[in-house]
Amino acid sequence: MEKQTLEEIYEVAGSDRGLIDNLRRIIKDEGIVPWFYKPNEVFENQRPIDMLKTKEIRRLEEMYYDIASGNFC
């Protein structure tokens, strides 16, 4: 069973920790852990944590930049 903690997310992210820091700027801390472990229809029902595990972070990075730049609909 997964720990489902912020520490686990950082551990899985490895060298991509900066992405997690950036996401924490737009997702409140109390919401970020559940967000990472919940299937997301924007990502074809993949969980963001699984995307980190398989190093499919490009889509997470794109989502962050879209939201940060105001281009997210």
PDB file of N, CA and C in Angstrom:
ATOM      1  N   MET A   1       0.832  -1.190   0.000  1.00  0.00           N
ATOM      2  CA  MET A   1       0.000   0.000   0.000  1.00  0.00           C
ATOM      3  C   MET A   1       0.872   1.248   0.000  1.00  0.00           C
ATOM      4  N   GLU A   2       0.461   2.226  -0.774  1.00  0.00           N
ATOM      5  CA  GLU A   2       1.205   3.472  -0.871  1.00  0.00           C
ATOM      6  C   GLU A   2       1.014   4.321   0.373  1.00  0.00           C
ATOM      7  N   LYS A   3       2.048   5.074   0.704  1.00  0.00           N
ATOM      8  CA  LYS A   3       1.998   5.940   1.886  1.00  0.00           C
ATOM      9  C   LYS A   3       1.057   7.121   1.704  1.00  0.00           C
ATOM     10  N   GLN A   4       0.963   7.616   0.502  1.00  0.00           N
ATOM     11  CA  GLN A   4       0.140   8.780   0.168  1.00  0.00           C
ATOM     12  C   GLN A   4       0.463   9.982   1.051  1.00  0.00           C
ATOM     13  N   THR A   5       1.728  10.375   0.972  1.00  0.00           N
ATOM     14  CA  THR A   5       2.196  11.539   1.713  1.00  0.00           C
ATOM     15  C   THR A   5       2.962  12.455   0.760  1.00  0.00           C
ATOM     16  N   LEU A   6       3.150  13.677   1.186  1.00  0.00           N
ATOM     17  CA  LEU A   6       3.943  14.619   0.406  1.00  0.00           C
ATOM     18  C   LEU A   6       5.379  14.112   0.280  1.00  0.00           C
ATOM     19  N   GLU A   7       5.896  13.499   1.328  1.00  0.00           N
ATOM     20  CA  GLU A   7       7.246  12.956   1.286  1.00  0.00           C
ATOM     21  C   GLU A   7       7.362  11.867   0.217  1.00  0.00           C
ATOM     22  N   GLU A   8       6.344  11.018   0.100  1.00  0.00           N
ATOM     23  CA  GLU A   8       6.328   9.971  -0.918  1.00  0.00           C
ATOM     24  C   GLU A   8       6.325  10.589  -2.319  1.00  0.00           C
ATOM     25  N   ILE A   9       5.569  11.645  -2.500  1.00  0.00           N
ATOM     26  CA  ILE A   9       5.521  12.324  -3.802  1.00  0.00           C
ATOM     27  C   ILE A   9       6.904  12.854  -4.155  1.00  0.00           C
ATOM     28  N   TYR A  10       7.560  13.509  -3.201  1.00  0.00           N
ATOM     29  CA  TYR A  10       8.907  14.014  -3.447  1.00  0.00           C
ATOM     30  C   TYR A  10       9.883  12.874  -3.740  1.00  0.00           C
ATOM     31  N   GLU A  11       9.746  11.775  -3.021  1.00  0.00           N
ATOM     32  CA  GLU A  11      10.616  10.622  -3.236  1.00  0.00           C
ATOM     33  C   GLU A  11      10.443  10.071  -4.656  1.00  0.00           C
ATOM     34  N   VAL A  12       9.215   9.929  -5.090  1.00  0.00           N
ATOM     35  CA  VAL A  12       8.931   9.430  -6.439  1.00  0.00           C
ATOM     36  C   VAL A  12       9.427  10.426  -7.484  1.00  0.00           C
ATOM     37  N   ALA A  13       9.279  11.709  -7.211  1.00  0.00           N
ATOM     38  CA  ALA A  13       9.681  12.734  -8.178  1.00  0.00           C
ATOM     39  C   ALA A  13      11.188  12.738  -8.414  1.00  0.00           C
ATOM     40  N   GLY A  14      11.950  12.391  -7.398  1.00  0.00           N
ATOM     41  CA  GLY A  14      13.405  12.360  -7.553  1.00  0.00           C
ATOM     42  C   GLY A  14      13.949  13.686  -8.045  1.00  0.00           C
ATOM     43  N   SER A  15      14.603  13.657  -9.193  1.00  0.00           N
ATOM     44  CA  SER A  15      15.235  14.865  -9.733  1.00  0.00           C
ATOM     45  C   SER A  15      14.217  15.888 -10.237  1.00  0.00           C
ATOM     46  N   ASP A  16      12.944  15.503 -10.275  1.00  0.00           N
ATOM     47  CA  ASP A  16      11.895  16.416 -10.744  1.00  0.00           C
ATOM     48  C   ASP A  16      11.183  17.104  -9.579  1.00  0.00           C
ATOM     49  N   ARG A  17      11.853  17.240  -8.459  1.00  0.00           N
ATOM     50  CA  ARG A  17      11.273  17.859  -7.263  1.00  0.00           C
ATOM     51  C   ARG A  17      10.811  19.288  -7.513  1.00  0.00           C
ATOM     52  N   GLY A  18      11.482  19.992  -8.403  1.00  0.00           N
ATOM     53  CA  GLY A  18      11.112  21.372  -8.701  1.00  0.00           C
ATOM     54  C   GLY A  18       9.686  21.471  -9.231  1.00  0.00           C
ATOM     55  N   LEU A  19       9.272  20.471  -9.986  1.00  0.00           N
ATOM     56  CA  LEU A  19       7.890  20.447 -10.478  1.00  0.00           C
ATOM     57  C   LEU A  19       6.916  20.383  -9.309  1.00  0.00           C
ATOM     58  N   ILE A  20       7.223  19.586  -8.313  1.00  0.00           N
ATOM     59  CA  ILE A  20       6.348  19.473  -7.134  1.00  0.00           C
ATOM     60  C   ILE A  20       6.292  20.823  -6.419  1.00  0.00           C
ATOM     61  N   ASP A  21       7.437  21.458  -6.260  1.00  0.00           N
ATOM     62  CA  ASP A  21       7.468  22.791  -5.622  1.00  0.00           C
ATOM     63  C   ASP A  21       6.592  23.768  -6.400  1.00  0.00           C
ATOM     64  N   ASN A  22       6.692  23.743  -7.719  1.00  0.00           N
ATOM     65  CA  ASN A  22       5.871  24.637  -8.543  1.00  0.00           C
ATOM     66  C   ASN A  22       4.387  24.315  -8.392  1.00  0.00           C
ATOM     67  N   LEU A  23       4.039  23.040  -8.403  1.00  0.00           N
ATOM     68  CA  LEU A  23       2.630  22.664  -8.254  1.00  0.00           C
ATOM     69  C   LEU A  23       2.084  23.081  -6.894  1.00  0.00           C
ATOM     70  N   ARG A  24       2.925  23.035  -5.871  1.00  0.00           N
ATOM     71  CA  ARG A  24       2.487  23.450  -4.532  1.00  0.00           C
ATOM     72  C   ARG A  24       2.171  24.934  -4.477  1.00  0.00           C
ATOM     73  N   ARG A  25       2.648  25.699  -5.435  1.00  0.00           N
ATOM     74  CA  ARG A  25       2.314  27.124  -5.495  1.00  0.00           C
ATOM     75  C   ARG A  25       0.893  27.350  -5.987  1.00  0.00           C
ATOM     76  N   ILE A  26       0.346  26.377  -6.727  1.00  0.00           N
ATOM     77  CA  ILE A  26      -1.001  26.555  -7.272  1.00  0.00           C
ATOM     78  C   ILE A  26      -2.035  25.601  -6.671  1.00  0.00           C
ATOM     79  N   ILE A  27      -1.558  24.553  -6.004  1.00  0.00           N
ATOM     80  CA  ILE A  27      -2.468  23.614  -5.317  1.00  0.00           C
ATOM     81  C   ILE A  27      -2.123  23.695  -3.834  1.00  0.00           C
ATOM     82  N   LYS A  28      -3.103  24.010  -3.016  1.00  0.00           N
ATOM     83  CA  LYS A  28      -2.865  24.138  -1.580  1.00  0.00           C
ATOM     84  C   LYS A  28      -2.337  22.815  -1.015  1.00  0.00           C
ATOM     85  N   ASP A  29      -1.494  22.915   0.007  1.00  0.00           N
ATOM     86  CA  ASP A  29      -0.872  21.722   0.579  1.00  0.00           C
ATOM     87  C   ASP A  29      -1.887  20.650   0.996  1.00  0.00           C
ATOM     88  N   GLU A  30      -3.016  21.066   1.537  1.00  0.00           N
ATOM     89  CA  GLU A  30      -3.994  20.065   1.970  1.00  0.00           C
ATOM     90  C   GLU A  30      -4.657  19.353   0.790  1.00  0.00           C
ATOM     91  N   GLY A  31      -4.523  19.905  -0.404  1.00  0.00           N
ATOM     92  CA  GLY A  31      -5.128  19.289  -1.574  1.00  0.00           C
ATOM     93  C   GLY A  31      -4.153  18.569  -2.487  1.00  0.00           C
ATOM     94  N   ILE A  32      -2.865  18.825  -2.315  1.00  0.00           N
ATOM     95  CA  ILE A  32      -1.912  18.282  -3.280  1.00  0.00           C
ATOM     96  C   ILE A  32      -1.746  16.771  -3.175  1.00  0.00           C
ATOM     97  N   VAL A  33      -1.717  16.225  -1.966  1.00  0.00           N
ATOM     98  CA  VAL A  33      -1.557  14.771  -1.829  1.00  0.00           C
ATOM     99  C   VAL A  33      -2.758  14.037  -2.423  1.00  0.00           C
ATOM    100  N   PRO A  34      -3.996  14.393  -2.057  1.00  0.00           N
ATOM    101  CA  PRO A  34      -5.129  13.709  -2.695  1.00  0.00           C
ATOM    102  C   PRO A  34      -5.136  13.880  -4.213  1.00  0.00           C
ATOM    103  N   TRP A  35      -4.737  15.057  -4.705  1.00  0.00           N
ATOM    104  CA  TRP A  35      -4.715  15.301  -6.146  1.00  0.00           C
ATOM    105  C   TRP A  35      -3.759  14.342  -6.846  1.00  0.00           C
ATOM    106  N   PHE A  36      -2.599  14.105  -6.259  1.00  0.00           N
ATOM    107  CA  PHE A  36      -1.623  13.208  -6.877  1.00  0.00           C
ATOM    108  C   PHE A  36      -2.084  11.759  -6.911  1.00  0.00           C
ATOM    109  N   TYR A  37      -2.941  11.356  -5.986  1.00  0.00           N
ATOM    110  CA  TYR A  37      -3.340   9.952  -5.887  1.00  0.00           C
ATOM    111  C   TYR A  37      -4.711   9.659  -6.477  1.00  0.00           C
ATOM    112  N   LYS A  38      -5.375  10.666  -7.001  1.00  0.00           N
ATOM    113  CA  LYS A  38      -6.709  10.477  -7.577  1.00  0.00           C
ATOM    114  C   LYS A  38      -6.613  10.440  -9.104  1.00  0.00           C
ATOM    115  N   PRO A  39      -7.273   9.465  -9.748  1.00  0.00           N
ATOM    116  CA  PRO A  39      -7.292   9.473 -11.219  1.00  0.00           C
ATOM    117  C   PRO A  39      -7.844  10.801 -11.725  1.00  0.00           C
ATOM    118  N   ASN A  40      -7.220  11.303 -12.781  1.00  0.00           N
ATOM    119  CA  ASN A  40      -7.572  12.618 -13.296  1.00  0.00           C
ATOM    120  C   ASN A  40      -7.992  12.485 -14.756  1.00  0.00           C
ATOM    121  N   GLU A  41      -9.215  12.884 -15.062  1.00  0.00           N
ATOM    122  CA  GLU A  41      -9.720  12.738 -16.426  1.00  0.00           C
ATOM    123  C   GLU A  41      -8.924  13.569 -17.427  1.00  0.00           C
ATOM    124  N   VAL A  42      -8.289  14.648 -16.987  1.00  0.00           N
ATOM    125  CA  VAL A  42      -7.451  15.452 -17.881  1.00  0.00           C
ATOM    126  C   VAL A  42      -6.278  14.605 -18.405  1.00  0.00           C
ATOM    127  N   PHE A  43      -5.856  13.644 -17.611  1.00  0.00           N
ATOM    128  CA  PHE A  43      -4.745  12.760 -17.974  1.00  0.00           C
ATOM    129  C   PHE A  43      -5.239  11.350 -18.317  1.00  0.00           C
ATOM    130  N   GLU A  44      -6.393  11.257 -18.955  1.00  0.00           N
ATOM    131  CA  GLU A  44      -7.006   9.976 -19.327  1.00  0.00           C
ATOM    132  C   GLU A  44      -7.118   9.039 -18.126  1.00  0.00           C
ATOM    133  N   ASN A  45      -7.559   9.584 -17.003  1.00  0.00           N
ATOM    134  CA  ASN A  45      -7.769   8.875 -15.750  1.00  0.00           C
ATOM    135  C   ASN A  45      -6.517   8.253 -15.149  1.00  0.00           C
ATOM    136  N   GLN A  46      -5.353   8.741 -15.558  1.00  0.00           N
ATOM    137  CA  GLN A  46      -4.122   8.349 -14.882  1.00  0.00           C
ATOM    138  C   GLN A  46      -3.999   9.168 -13.606  1.00  0.00           C
ATOM    139  N   ARG A  47      -3.331   8.611 -12.628  1.00  0.00           N
ATOM    140  CA  ARG A  47      -3.035   9.369 -11.415  1.00  0.00           C
ATOM    141  C   ARG A  47      -1.713  10.113 -11.634  1.00  0.00           C
ATOM    142  N   PRO A  48      -1.646  11.378 -11.233  1.00  0.00           N
ATOM    143  CA  PRO A  48      -0.386  12.106 -11.377  1.00  0.00           C
ATOM    144  C   PRO A  48       0.799  11.385 -10.729  1.00  0.00           C
ATOM    145  N   ILE A  49       0.605  10.693  -9.614  1.00  0.00           N
ATOM    146  CA  ILE A  49       1.712   9.964  -8.978  1.00  0.00           C
ATOM    147  C   ILE A  49       2.240   8.883  -9.915  1.00  0.00           C
ATOM    148  N   ASP A  50       1.346   8.224 -10.654  1.00  0.00           N
ATOM    149  CA  ASP A  50       1.783   7.204 -11.604  1.00  0.00           C
ATOM    150  C   ASP A  50       2.540   7.831 -12.763  1.00  0.00           C
ATOM    151  N   MET A  51       2.136   9.026 -13.142  1.00  0.00           N
ATOM    152  CA  MET A  51       2.838   9.735 -14.207  1.00  0.00           C
ATOM    153  C   MET A  51       4.261  10.068 -13.753  1.00  0.00           C
ATOM    154  N   LEU A  52       4.431  10.417 -12.482  1.00  0.00           N
ATOM    155  CA  LEU A  52       5.773  10.645 -11.954  1.00  0.00           C
ATOM    156  C   LEU A  52       6.584   9.360 -11.961  1.00  0.00           C
ATOM    157  N   LYS A  53       5.950   8.262 -11.546  1.00  0.00           N
ATOM    158  CA  LYS A  53       6.650   6.975 -11.471  1.00  0.00           C
ATOM    159  C   LYS A  53       7.153   6.525 -12.835  1.00  0.00           C
ATOM    160  N   THR A  54       6.401   6.813 -13.876  1.00  0.00           N
ATOM    161  CA  THR A  54       6.791   6.382 -15.218  1.00  0.00           C
ATOM    162  C   THR A  54       7.519   7.489 -15.973  1.00  0.00           C
ATOM    163  N   LYS A  55       7.839   8.571 -15.254  1.00  0.00           N
ATOM    164  CA  LYS A  55       8.572   9.709 -15.823  1.00  0.00           C
ATOM    165  C   LYS A  55       7.828  10.373 -16.983  1.00  0.00           C
ATOM    166  N   GLU A  56       6.496  10.357 -16.918  1.00  0.00           N
ATOM    167  CA  GLU A  56       5.664  11.057 -17.901  1.00  0.00           C
ATOM    168  C   GLU A  56       5.302  12.442 -17.363  1.00  0.00           C
ATOM    169  N   ILE A  57       6.311  13.185 -16.987  1.00  0.00           N
ATOM    170  CA  ILE A  57       6.040  14.458 -16.318  1.00  0.00           C
ATOM    171  C   ILE A  57       5.768  15.605 -17.276  1.00  0.00           C
ATOM    172  N   ARG A  58       6.057  15.412 -18.553  1.00  0.00           N
ATOM    173  CA  ARG A  58       5.860  16.495 -19.516  1.00  0.00           C
ATOM    174  C   ARG A  58       4.452  17.059 -19.416  1.00  0.00           C
ATOM    175  N   ARG A  59       3.456  16.202 -19.324  1.00  0.00           N
ATOM    176  CA  ARG A  59       2.064  16.674 -19.263  1.00  0.00           C
ATOM    177  C   ARG A  59       1.785  17.405 -17.955  1.00  0.00           C
ATOM    178  N   LEU A  60       2.389  16.962 -16.870  1.00  0.00           N
ATOM    179  CA  LEU A  60       2.235  17.677 -15.601  1.00  0.00           C
ATOM    180  C   LEU A  60       2.888  19.054 -15.687  1.00  0.00           C
ATOM    181  N   GLU A  61       4.057  19.106 -16.312  1.00  0.00           N
ATOM    182  CA  GLU A  61       4.734  20.396 -16.490  1.00  0.00           C
ATOM    183  C   GLU A  61       3.915  21.323 -17.375  1.00  0.00           C
ATOM    184  N   GLU A  62       3.355  20.802 -18.451  1.00  0.00           N
ATOM    185  CA  GLU A  62       2.519  21.621 -19.339  1.00  0.00           C
ATOM    186  C   GLU A  62       1.304  22.162 -18.598  1.00  0.00           C
ATOM    187  N   MET A  63       0.676  21.320 -17.778  1.00  0.00           N
ATOM    188  CA  MET A  63      -0.487  21.752 -17.013  1.00  0.00           C
ATOM    189  C   MET A  63      -0.089  22.887 -16.067  1.00  0.00           C
ATOM    190  N   TYR A  64       1.045  22.716 -15.384  1.00  0.00           N
ATOM    191  CA  TYR A  64       1.499  23.762 -14.470  1.00  0.00           C
ATOM    192  C   TYR A  64       1.711  25.085 -15.219  1.00  0.00           C
ATOM    193  N   TYR A  65       2.427  25.034 -16.330  1.00  0.00           N
ATOM    194  CA  TYR A  65       2.709  26.267 -17.074  1.00  0.00           C
ATOM    195  C   TYR A  65       1.445  26.899 -17.633  1.00  0.00           C
ATOM    196  N   ASP A  66       0.481  26.088 -18.052  1.00  0.00           N
ATOM    197  CA  ASP A  66      -0.796  26.635 -18.535  1.00  0.00           C
ATOM    198  C   ASP A  66      -1.528  27.372 -17.417  1.00  0.00           C
ATOM    199  N   ILE A  67      -1.571  26.759 -16.245  1.00  0.00           N
ATOM    200  CA  ILE A  67      -2.263  27.386 -15.115  1.00  0.00           C
ATOM    201  C   ILE A  67      -1.498  28.645 -14.670  1.00  0.00           C
ATOM    202  N   ALA A  68      -0.190  28.532 -14.543  1.00  0.00           N
ATOM    203  CA  ALA A  68       0.618  29.661 -14.057  1.00  0.00           C
ATOM    204  C   ALA A  68       0.562  30.849 -15.015  1.00  0.00           C
ATOM    205  N   SER A  69       0.389  30.570 -16.311  1.00  0.00           N
ATOM    206  CA  SER A  69       0.344  31.658 -17.279  1.00  0.00           C
ATOM    207  C   SER A  69      -1.070  32.142 -17.569  1.00  0.00           C
ATOM    208  N   GLY A  70      -2.060  31.509 -16.931  1.00  0.00           N
ATOM    209  CA  GLY A  70      -3.438  31.916 -17.128  1.00  0.00           C
ATOM    210  C   GLY A  70      -4.087  31.338 -18.365  1.00  0.00           C
ATOM    211  N   ASN A  71      -3.483  30.319 -18.961  1.00  0.00           N
ATOM    212  CA  ASN A  71      -4.016  29.718 -20.183  1.00  0.00           C
ATOM    213  C   ASN A  71      -4.838  28.467 -19.942  1.00  0.00           C
ATOM    214  N   PHE A  72      -5.154  28.169 -18.697  1.00  0.00           N
ATOM    215  CA  PHE A  72      -5.872  26.938 -18.376  1.00  0.00           C
ATOM    216  C   PHE A  72      -7.368  27.202 -18.407  1.00  0.00           C
ATOM    217  N   CYS A  73      -8.088  26.389 -19.148  1.00  0.00           N
ATOM    218  CA  CYS A  73      -9.546  26.557 -19.253  1.00  0.00           C
ATOM    219  C   CYS A  73     -10.271  25.480 -18.498  1.00  0.00           C
TER     220      CYS A  73
END
